Protein backbone atom coordinates (compact mmCIF):
# COMPACT_ATOMS: atom_id res chain seq x y z
CA MET A 1 220.95 -123.85 99.69
CA LYS A 2 219.85 -122.14 96.46
CA LYS A 3 218.77 -125.51 95.09
CA ILE A 4 216.62 -126.18 98.17
CA VAL A 5 214.95 -122.74 97.93
CA THR A 6 214.31 -123.24 94.23
CA PHE A 7 212.77 -126.67 94.89
CA VAL A 8 210.48 -125.25 97.62
CA LEU A 9 209.33 -122.44 95.32
CA PHE A 10 208.65 -124.99 92.59
CA ILE A 11 206.53 -127.13 94.92
CA SER A 12 204.67 -124.05 96.19
CA SER A 13 203.82 -122.85 92.69
CA PHE A 14 202.73 -126.36 91.72
CA THR A 15 200.35 -126.80 94.66
CA GLN A 16 198.75 -123.42 94.00
CA ALA A 17 198.44 -123.96 90.25
CA GLN A 18 195.31 -122.78 88.51
CA TYR A 19 193.48 -125.21 86.25
CA THR A 20 191.60 -124.47 83.05
CA ILE A 21 188.51 -125.75 81.30
CA ASN A 22 188.75 -125.49 77.52
CA GLY A 23 185.88 -126.33 75.20
CA ARG A 24 185.44 -126.42 71.46
CA MET A 25 182.14 -126.58 69.59
CA SER A 26 181.77 -127.99 66.13
CA SER A 27 179.17 -125.54 64.86
CA ALA A 28 178.32 -121.87 65.13
CA LEU A 29 176.29 -120.33 67.95
CA LYS A 30 174.23 -117.17 68.18
CA SER A 31 175.42 -116.58 71.72
CA ASP A 32 178.70 -114.80 72.51
CA TRP A 33 179.00 -116.17 76.03
CA VAL A 34 179.10 -119.44 77.92
CA ILE A 35 178.40 -119.75 81.64
CA LEU A 36 179.99 -122.12 84.14
CA TYR A 37 177.83 -123.43 86.99
CA LYS A 38 178.46 -125.75 89.92
CA ILE A 39 175.65 -128.20 90.63
CA GLU A 40 174.56 -128.13 94.27
CA ASN A 41 171.49 -130.13 95.32
CA THR A 42 168.93 -129.51 92.57
CA LYS A 43 170.27 -126.03 91.74
CA GLN A 44 172.99 -124.75 89.45
CA ASN A 45 175.06 -121.98 91.05
CA TYR A 46 176.92 -119.44 88.97
CA VAL A 47 180.72 -119.64 88.99
CA GLN A 48 181.85 -117.44 86.11
CA HIS A 49 181.27 -116.70 82.44
CA SER A 50 183.55 -116.62 79.42
CA LYS A 51 183.42 -114.93 76.04
CA ILE A 52 183.33 -117.19 73.01
CA LYS A 53 186.19 -117.01 70.52
CA ARG A 54 185.44 -117.66 66.86
CA ASP A 55 187.97 -118.86 64.26
CA THR A 56 187.65 -120.03 60.68
CA ILE A 57 189.59 -122.98 59.37
CA SER A 58 189.79 -124.45 55.88
CA VAL A 59 189.10 -128.18 55.54
CA GLN A 60 189.37 -129.66 52.04
CA GLY A 61 188.65 -126.30 50.48
CA GLN A 62 185.64 -125.57 52.71
CA LYS A 63 185.66 -122.96 55.46
CA ASP A 64 184.34 -124.06 58.84
CA GLU A 65 183.80 -121.93 61.93
CA ILE A 66 185.35 -123.21 65.14
CA VAL A 67 183.95 -121.89 68.43
CA THR A 68 186.17 -122.13 71.52
CA PHE A 69 186.05 -120.89 75.09
CA GLN A 70 188.18 -121.08 78.22
CA PHE A 71 187.61 -120.82 81.95
CA ILE A 72 190.56 -120.16 84.24
CA LEU A 73 189.51 -121.55 87.58
CA PRO A 74 190.33 -119.90 90.92
CA GLU A 75 192.79 -121.83 93.08
CA ASN A 76 190.07 -122.65 95.63
CA THR A 77 187.67 -124.19 93.08
CA GLN A 78 186.09 -127.22 94.73
CA PRO A 79 185.83 -130.64 93.05
CA GLY A 80 182.32 -131.52 91.97
CA ALA A 81 179.80 -131.75 89.17
CA TYR A 82 179.83 -128.70 86.88
CA ARG A 83 177.74 -127.48 83.98
CA ILE A 84 178.51 -125.20 81.04
CA ALA A 85 175.45 -123.55 79.49
CA TYR A 86 175.65 -121.83 76.12
CA SER A 87 172.10 -120.53 75.64
CA SER A 88 168.93 -119.88 77.63
CA GLU A 89 167.24 -123.09 76.41
CA ASP A 90 166.99 -125.83 79.03
CA SER A 91 168.83 -128.51 77.03
CA ASN A 92 171.76 -126.39 75.87
CA PHE A 93 174.44 -127.41 78.34
CA VAL A 94 177.16 -129.97 78.99
CA ASP A 95 177.85 -131.65 82.34
CA PHE A 96 181.19 -132.93 83.59
CA PHE A 97 183.25 -133.55 86.72
CA TYR A 98 186.08 -131.34 87.94
CA ASN A 99 188.72 -132.59 90.36
CA ASN A 100 191.83 -130.41 90.23
CA GLU A 101 192.90 -131.12 86.68
CA ASN A 102 192.89 -129.38 83.31
CA ILE A 103 189.89 -130.28 81.14
CA LEU A 104 189.68 -130.13 77.35
CA PHE A 105 186.69 -131.36 75.36
CA ASN A 106 184.83 -131.10 72.05
CA PHE A 107 181.08 -131.28 71.55
CA ASP A 108 178.29 -130.56 69.09
CA PRO A 109 175.87 -127.98 70.55
CA GLU A 110 172.99 -129.69 68.74
CA SER A 111 173.47 -132.85 70.86
CA PRO A 112 175.82 -131.77 73.67
CA ASN A 113 175.87 -134.60 76.21
CA GLU A 114 175.72 -137.32 73.54
CA SER A 115 178.56 -135.87 71.45
CA ILE A 116 180.94 -134.65 74.14
CA SER A 117 184.46 -136.05 73.79
CA PHE A 118 187.17 -135.40 76.39
CA LEU A 119 190.71 -134.95 75.10
CA SER A 120 192.14 -134.09 78.51
CA SER A 121 190.73 -135.09 81.94
CA ARG A 122 191.59 -138.42 83.50
CA GLU A 123 188.37 -138.41 85.55
CA ASN A 124 185.95 -137.64 82.72
CA ILE A 125 187.66 -139.89 80.16
CA LEU A 126 187.57 -142.86 82.52
CA TYR A 127 184.00 -142.18 83.60
CA ARG A 128 182.62 -141.79 80.08
CA LYS A 129 184.45 -144.85 78.77
CA GLY A 130 183.52 -146.99 81.77
CA ILE A 131 179.84 -146.06 81.76
CA ALA A 132 179.59 -146.59 77.99
CA LEU A 133 181.18 -150.06 78.09
CA ILE A 134 179.24 -151.17 81.18
CA SER A 135 175.97 -149.92 79.66
CA LYS A 136 176.66 -151.84 76.44
CA GLU A 137 177.22 -155.09 78.35
CA GLN A 138 174.18 -154.40 80.57
CA GLN A 139 172.02 -154.02 77.47
CA LYS A 140 173.18 -157.44 76.23
CA LEU A 141 172.23 -158.98 79.58
CA ASP A 142 168.87 -157.19 79.59
CA ALA A 143 168.12 -158.46 76.07
CA ILE A 144 168.65 -162.06 77.21
CA GLN A 145 166.50 -161.50 80.30
CA ASN A 146 163.69 -159.86 78.30
CA THR A 147 163.68 -162.70 75.77
CA ALA A 148 163.36 -165.22 78.60
CA ALA A 149 160.54 -163.23 80.24
CA GLN A 150 158.63 -163.15 76.96
CA ASN A 151 159.23 -166.83 76.22
CA SER A 152 159.49 -168.90 79.41
CA SER A 153 160.26 -172.07 77.44
CA SER A 154 163.52 -170.66 76.07
CA ASN A 155 166.65 -172.13 77.63
CA LEU A 156 168.90 -169.10 78.08
CA GLN A 157 170.29 -169.70 81.56
CA GLY A 158 173.79 -170.56 80.34
CA GLU A 159 173.94 -167.58 78.01
CA TYR A 160 172.64 -165.34 80.79
CA LEU A 161 175.25 -166.47 83.33
CA LYS A 162 178.05 -166.02 80.79
CA ALA A 163 176.90 -162.45 80.06
CA LEU A 164 176.41 -161.72 83.77
CA ASN A 165 179.94 -162.86 84.67
CA GLY A 166 181.40 -160.78 81.83
CA LEU A 167 179.50 -157.74 83.07
CA LYS A 168 180.70 -158.29 86.64
CA ARG A 169 184.32 -158.44 85.50
CA LEU A 170 183.92 -155.18 83.60
CA GLN A 171 182.24 -153.49 86.56
CA LYS A 172 185.04 -154.65 88.88
CA GLN A 173 187.64 -153.36 86.43
CA TYR A 174 186.26 -149.82 86.44
CA LEU A 175 185.52 -149.78 90.16
CA GLU A 176 189.17 -150.63 90.81
CA ALA A 177 190.46 -148.21 88.17
CA SER A 178 188.46 -145.34 89.71
CA LYS A 179 189.49 -145.92 93.33
CA GLY A 180 190.48 -142.65 94.98
CA MET A 181 188.94 -140.62 92.15
CA TYR A 182 185.93 -138.30 92.37
CA ILE A 183 184.01 -140.43 89.84
CA HIS A 184 184.26 -143.67 91.84
CA ASP A 185 180.97 -143.17 93.71
CA PHE A 186 179.15 -142.39 90.46
CA ILE A 187 180.37 -145.55 88.76
CA SER A 188 179.39 -147.57 91.83
CA ALA A 189 175.92 -145.99 91.99
CA SER A 190 175.38 -146.68 88.27
CA LEU A 191 175.74 -150.45 88.58
CA LYS A 192 172.38 -152.15 88.21
CA LYS A 193 171.60 -155.00 90.61
CA ASN A 194 171.02 -157.97 88.31
CA PRO A 195 169.33 -161.26 89.32
CA THR A 196 171.83 -164.07 89.98
CA THR A 197 169.71 -166.34 87.79
CA ILE A 198 167.40 -165.56 84.90
CA ILE A 199 163.77 -164.67 85.75
CA THR A 200 161.22 -166.11 83.34
CA ASN A 201 158.10 -164.61 84.92
CA PRO A 202 157.46 -161.06 83.53
CA GLN A 203 155.72 -159.85 86.70
CA LYS A 204 158.52 -161.10 88.94
CA TYR A 205 161.12 -159.48 86.68
CA GLN A 206 159.28 -156.14 86.78
CA SER A 207 159.01 -156.44 90.57
CA HIS A 208 162.76 -157.05 90.75
CA LEU A 209 163.44 -153.92 88.65
CA VAL A 210 161.28 -151.78 90.92
CA THR A 211 162.46 -153.12 94.28
CA SER A 212 166.17 -153.22 93.45
CA PHE A 213 166.44 -149.99 91.44
CA PHE A 214 167.89 -147.87 94.25
CA ASP A 215 170.03 -150.62 95.85
CA PRO A 216 173.36 -149.26 94.50
CA ILE A 217 172.53 -145.67 95.50
CA ASP A 218 173.41 -143.99 98.78
CA PHE A 219 170.97 -141.08 99.15
CA SER A 220 173.19 -139.52 101.83
CA ASN A 221 176.23 -139.34 99.54
CA LYS A 222 176.99 -135.62 99.09
CA LYS A 223 178.72 -136.19 95.76
CA LEU A 224 175.57 -137.78 94.35
CA ILE A 225 173.33 -135.13 95.91
CA ASN A 226 175.41 -132.32 94.40
CA SER A 227 175.14 -133.58 90.84
CA PRO A 228 172.51 -134.25 88.15
CA PHE A 229 173.00 -138.00 88.71
CA LEU A 230 170.58 -138.49 91.60
CA ILE A 231 167.84 -136.37 90.03
CA GLY A 232 168.24 -138.37 86.82
CA LYS A 233 167.78 -141.62 88.71
CA ILE A 234 164.71 -140.29 90.53
CA ILE A 235 163.14 -139.22 87.21
CA GLU A 236 163.92 -142.61 85.66
CA TYR A 237 162.36 -144.44 88.61
CA ILE A 238 159.15 -142.39 88.74
CA PHE A 239 158.51 -141.85 85.03
CA SER A 240 160.04 -144.95 83.37
CA ILE A 241 160.44 -147.87 85.77
CA ASN A 242 156.95 -147.29 87.20
CA TYR A 243 155.14 -146.65 83.90
CA VAL A 244 151.83 -148.15 82.80
CA GLU A 245 149.40 -147.04 80.08
CA ASP A 246 146.28 -147.03 82.28
CA SER A 247 145.99 -143.47 83.66
CA LYS A 248 144.32 -144.47 86.95
CA LYS A 249 146.93 -147.15 87.65
CA GLN A 250 149.64 -144.72 86.60
CA ASN A 251 148.55 -142.13 89.16
CA ASN A 252 148.66 -144.78 91.88
CA LEU A 253 152.14 -145.80 90.75
CA TYR A 254 153.25 -142.16 90.73
CA LYS A 255 152.11 -141.79 94.34
CA LYS A 256 153.76 -145.01 95.46
CA SER A 257 157.05 -144.23 93.72
CA ILE A 258 157.06 -140.67 95.13
CA ASP A 259 156.62 -142.08 98.64
CA ILE A 260 159.50 -144.50 98.11
CA VAL A 261 161.81 -141.77 96.79
CA CYS A 262 160.98 -139.39 99.64
CA SER A 263 161.40 -142.12 102.26
CA LYS A 264 165.00 -142.65 101.11
CA ILE A 265 166.00 -138.98 101.45
CA LYS A 266 167.01 -138.18 105.02
CA ASN A 267 168.53 -134.77 104.26
CA LEU A 268 165.45 -132.57 104.79
CA HIS A 269 166.75 -129.60 102.80
CA TYR A 270 167.46 -131.86 99.85
CA LYS A 271 164.07 -133.56 100.25
CA LYS A 272 162.38 -130.16 100.06
CA GLU A 273 164.21 -129.36 96.82
CA ILE A 274 163.34 -132.74 95.31
CA ILE A 275 159.66 -132.32 96.19
CA GLU A 276 159.64 -128.83 94.64
CA PHE A 277 161.41 -130.22 91.57
CA LEU A 278 158.81 -132.99 91.19
CA ILE A 279 155.97 -130.51 91.68
CA ALA A 280 157.36 -128.50 88.75
CA LYS A 281 157.64 -131.66 86.62
CA PHE A 282 154.05 -132.73 87.28
CA GLU A 283 152.80 -129.18 86.78
CA THR A 284 154.44 -129.20 83.34
CA ILE A 285 152.46 -132.30 82.30
CA ASN A 286 149.31 -130.94 83.97
CA ALA A 287 149.08 -133.88 86.39
CA MET A 288 147.22 -131.94 89.05
CA GLU A 289 146.16 -134.95 91.09
CA ILE A 290 149.82 -135.83 91.63
CA LEU A 291 150.76 -132.20 92.28
CA ASP A 292 148.09 -132.10 94.96
CA TYR A 293 149.41 -135.38 96.43
CA LEU A 294 152.95 -134.00 96.56
CA LEU A 295 151.75 -130.89 98.38
CA GLU A 296 149.50 -132.62 100.90
CA GLU A 297 151.40 -135.85 101.53
CA GLN A 298 154.99 -134.66 101.25
CA TYR A 299 155.54 -130.89 101.21
CA THR A 300 153.21 -129.95 104.09
CA LYS A 301 154.72 -132.74 106.19
CA LEU A 302 158.16 -131.16 106.07
CA PRO A 303 159.15 -129.23 109.22
CA THR A 304 157.25 -125.93 109.16
CA PRO A 305 160.40 -123.72 109.09
CA LEU A 306 161.48 -125.47 105.87
CA GLN A 307 158.23 -124.85 104.03
CA ASP A 308 158.11 -121.91 101.66
CA LYS A 309 154.74 -120.32 102.42
CA ALA A 310 154.66 -118.29 99.20
CA PHE A 311 155.44 -121.40 97.14
CA LEU A 312 152.78 -123.42 98.96
CA LEU A 313 150.14 -120.72 98.48
CA GLU A 314 150.99 -120.36 94.79
CA LYS A 315 150.57 -124.09 94.16
CA LYS A 316 147.37 -124.33 96.21
CA ASN A 317 145.96 -121.43 94.18
CA LEU A 318 146.98 -123.23 91.01
CA LEU A 319 145.04 -126.30 92.12
CA ALA A 320 142.06 -124.18 93.15
CA THR A 321 141.67 -122.80 89.62
CA GLN A 322 141.94 -126.04 87.64
CA ILE A 323 139.17 -127.21 85.35
CA GLY A 324 136.59 -129.02 87.48
CA SER A 325 137.19 -126.88 90.57
CA ILE A 326 134.72 -124.35 91.92
CA ALA A 327 136.11 -120.90 91.12
CA PRO A 328 137.45 -119.14 94.23
CA ASN A 329 134.88 -116.69 95.47
CA PHE A 330 135.38 -112.92 95.71
CA SER A 331 133.12 -109.90 96.13
CA TRP A 332 133.03 -106.34 94.82
CA GLU A 333 131.02 -103.13 95.03
CA GLU A 334 128.87 -102.23 92.06
CA ASN A 335 126.30 -99.41 91.91
CA GLY A 336 126.16 -99.24 95.71
CA GLU A 337 125.58 -102.96 96.03
CA THR A 338 127.91 -105.74 97.22
CA LEU A 339 128.05 -108.60 94.73
CA ALA A 340 129.80 -111.97 95.06
CA LEU A 341 130.80 -114.36 92.31
CA SER A 342 129.38 -117.38 94.15
CA LYS A 343 125.95 -115.71 94.55
CA LEU A 344 125.43 -114.54 90.97
CA MET A 345 122.36 -116.21 89.49
CA GLU A 346 122.07 -114.38 86.19
CA SER A 347 123.02 -116.93 83.54
CA GLU A 348 123.73 -120.52 82.61
CA TYR A 349 127.40 -119.64 82.09
CA TYR A 350 129.90 -117.01 83.20
CA LEU A 351 133.03 -115.66 81.55
CA LEU A 352 135.60 -114.36 84.02
CA ILE A 353 138.27 -112.21 82.38
CA PHE A 354 141.45 -110.88 83.96
CA TRP A 355 142.65 -107.97 81.82
CA SER A 356 144.23 -104.51 82.07
CA THR A 357 143.99 -101.14 80.38
CA GLU A 358 147.81 -101.15 80.48
CA CYS A 359 147.94 -104.29 78.32
CA SER A 360 148.09 -103.51 74.57
CA HIS A 361 147.00 -107.04 73.70
CA CYS A 362 143.93 -106.61 75.94
CA LEU A 363 143.02 -103.31 74.29
CA ARG A 364 142.91 -105.11 70.93
CA GLU A 365 141.16 -108.25 72.13
CA ILE A 366 138.63 -107.11 74.73
CA PRO A 367 136.56 -104.85 72.40
CA GLN A 368 136.35 -107.74 69.91
CA LEU A 369 135.17 -110.04 72.67
CA HIS A 370 132.58 -107.46 73.82
CA ASP A 371 131.15 -107.24 70.32
CA TYR A 372 131.05 -111.02 70.00
CA LEU A 373 129.34 -111.57 73.37
CA GLY A 374 126.65 -109.04 72.60
CA VAL A 375 124.57 -111.77 70.96
CA HIS A 376 125.15 -114.43 73.61
CA LYS A 377 122.50 -113.80 76.24
CA LYS A 378 123.18 -116.94 78.30
CA ILE A 379 126.65 -115.73 79.27
CA THR A 380 127.41 -113.17 81.98
CA THR A 381 130.83 -111.52 81.82
CA ILE A 382 132.86 -110.49 84.87
CA ALA A 383 135.80 -108.29 83.89
CA PHE A 384 138.50 -108.07 86.57
CA SER A 385 140.93 -105.33 85.60
CA LEU A 386 144.51 -105.31 86.94
CA GLU A 387 145.44 -101.65 87.39
CA THR A 388 147.96 -99.37 89.08
CA ASN A 389 145.26 -96.64 89.25
CA ASP A 390 141.60 -96.37 88.25
CA ILE A 391 141.73 -93.33 85.95
CA GLN A 392 141.95 -95.14 82.58
CA TRP A 393 139.81 -98.01 83.84
CA LYS A 394 136.87 -95.75 84.81
CA ASN A 395 136.83 -94.28 81.32
CA TYR A 396 137.43 -97.47 79.39
CA LYS A 397 134.82 -99.61 81.15
CA GLN A 398 132.12 -97.30 79.78
CA LYS A 399 132.78 -98.87 76.37
CA LEU A 400 132.08 -102.34 77.76
CA ALA A 401 128.42 -102.10 78.70
CA ASN A 402 126.47 -104.92 80.35
CA TRP A 403 129.57 -106.44 81.96
CA HIS A 404 130.37 -106.61 85.65
CA HIS A 405 133.51 -104.50 86.20
CA ILE A 406 135.96 -104.94 89.06
CA PHE A 407 138.91 -102.69 89.80
CA GLY A 408 141.91 -104.87 90.66
CA GLU A 409 143.99 -102.49 92.74
CA ASN A 410 147.76 -103.14 93.02
CA LYS A 411 147.73 -105.06 89.77
CA TRP A 412 149.84 -108.26 90.11
CA LYS A 413 149.97 -107.94 93.90
CA ASN A 414 146.18 -108.01 94.14
CA LYS A 415 144.96 -110.81 96.41
CA ILE A 416 142.38 -112.14 93.91
CA VAL A 417 144.93 -112.05 91.11
CA LYS A 418 147.29 -114.16 93.22
CA THR A 419 144.47 -116.53 94.21
CA TYR A 420 143.73 -117.18 90.54
CA ASN A 421 147.45 -117.53 89.81
CA ILE A 422 147.28 -114.94 87.04
CA ASN A 423 150.62 -114.27 85.35
CA ALA A 424 149.44 -112.88 82.00
CA THR A 425 146.62 -110.77 80.64
CA PRO A 426 144.12 -111.42 79.27
CA SER A 427 143.34 -114.68 81.09
CA TYR A 428 139.98 -116.39 80.67
CA PHE A 429 137.86 -118.72 82.81
CA ILE A 430 134.51 -120.11 81.68
CA LEU A 431 132.20 -121.19 84.53
CA ASP A 432 128.91 -123.04 84.64
CA ALA A 433 125.89 -122.00 86.70
CA THR A 434 127.42 -123.51 89.87
CA LYS A 435 130.64 -121.51 89.23
CA LYS A 436 132.60 -124.64 88.43
CA ILE A 437 135.46 -123.95 86.03
CA ILE A 438 134.66 -125.77 82.78
CA ALA A 439 137.29 -124.22 80.50
CA LYS A 440 140.40 -122.06 80.58
CA PRO A 441 140.86 -120.86 76.99
CA TYR A 442 144.19 -119.28 76.15
CA GLU A 443 143.38 -117.26 73.03
CA LEU A 444 140.31 -115.26 72.01
CA SER A 445 139.68 -117.76 69.20
CA GLU A 446 139.57 -120.54 71.80
CA VAL A 447 137.07 -118.55 73.90
CA LYS A 448 134.78 -118.20 70.89
CA ALA A 449 135.19 -121.84 69.88
CA PHE A 450 134.23 -123.08 73.36
CA ILE A 451 131.27 -120.73 73.64
CA GLU A 452 129.94 -122.05 70.31
CA THR A 453 129.69 -125.50 71.92
CA LEU A 454 127.51 -124.28 74.84
């Protein structure tokens, strides 16, 4: 009886065992903490954090610092794609899979995902090894295909088929080895659909790449959705597979590839996150035509309850204040008269400044700008001041004669401030006589440099 009880207790403790994630970095860090996240849709959700432990070891007479950390996972930790971040910079993280097993790995924080090496974790070791070997064989096949596409007279069919069959055997090996494992779907989704025979026409080969790219991928697979994998494939498809040098053609390709991606995503919440993610990507590269397309052709066509009104307004305001757009109109009271930006007819050019008496940088820069503009008669200045109250502003504006002054009540919450998407002071807009935005200088030196060209 005692043996049976002991056995039951052993099984119970085993099934409720906690697992650990242990990492070791090969060089020193400024940070004292690392953070564990679980990837869900396009977001990373906080799980826990861990303090870094530092040790010094002697290797061949030289002392090296070893940085280690450990996470002890709760018993209910769900399998999935996880991320460990070790600084606030976007690229400073490592990704891996967790599926109820202890994980131990080394990596170099200077090149984390390239250098990561798993010492313990059946899932991650198999995945990394399989993907690396399959990618190497795929590259060999691609090299043969590219050579044939560039030289249609080359006779590479036999070599191509030999490489293709070798690749298929390797793919089958890792698909079978990963059966029943969390990583199986990721290996399957990674397998490129190759032509059964070599394609010698470059246009036909490019068409094959584009039309078959997503064939291995199930956009409804929750494992893929809750990982960086699917986002990575979407980025590759839009920005690499559909790349051309001609900017006009590129914009058309961006739009077409965006439509294809969005048509494949049936999960509306995930589609919303992907559209928002792509909007951020195109905003970063200042591709406003594509940002506008994403808003009008994809985001606003989502069910109304899903749309984030504040997000939509922010992006529309961003588009409204791009170079080439007519500056959003607003009016103000001045000396008992109502003035409007759109109706000013005083100069050939206008300088619209968003500043604040509570901004130390503004208090240094604005007087310099006032002195400089004193000799430029063809420019009218409109100074929109973001303030919590008007006491300092009323006094300070007396020093800035011959400018139009506007009191921006409620500072950052001011409607005009939001319309112009202002998130820092001072911010500058240079307008022509029609109030079209012709420049958005960032620094005072840039304001002066642009004005010198007028």
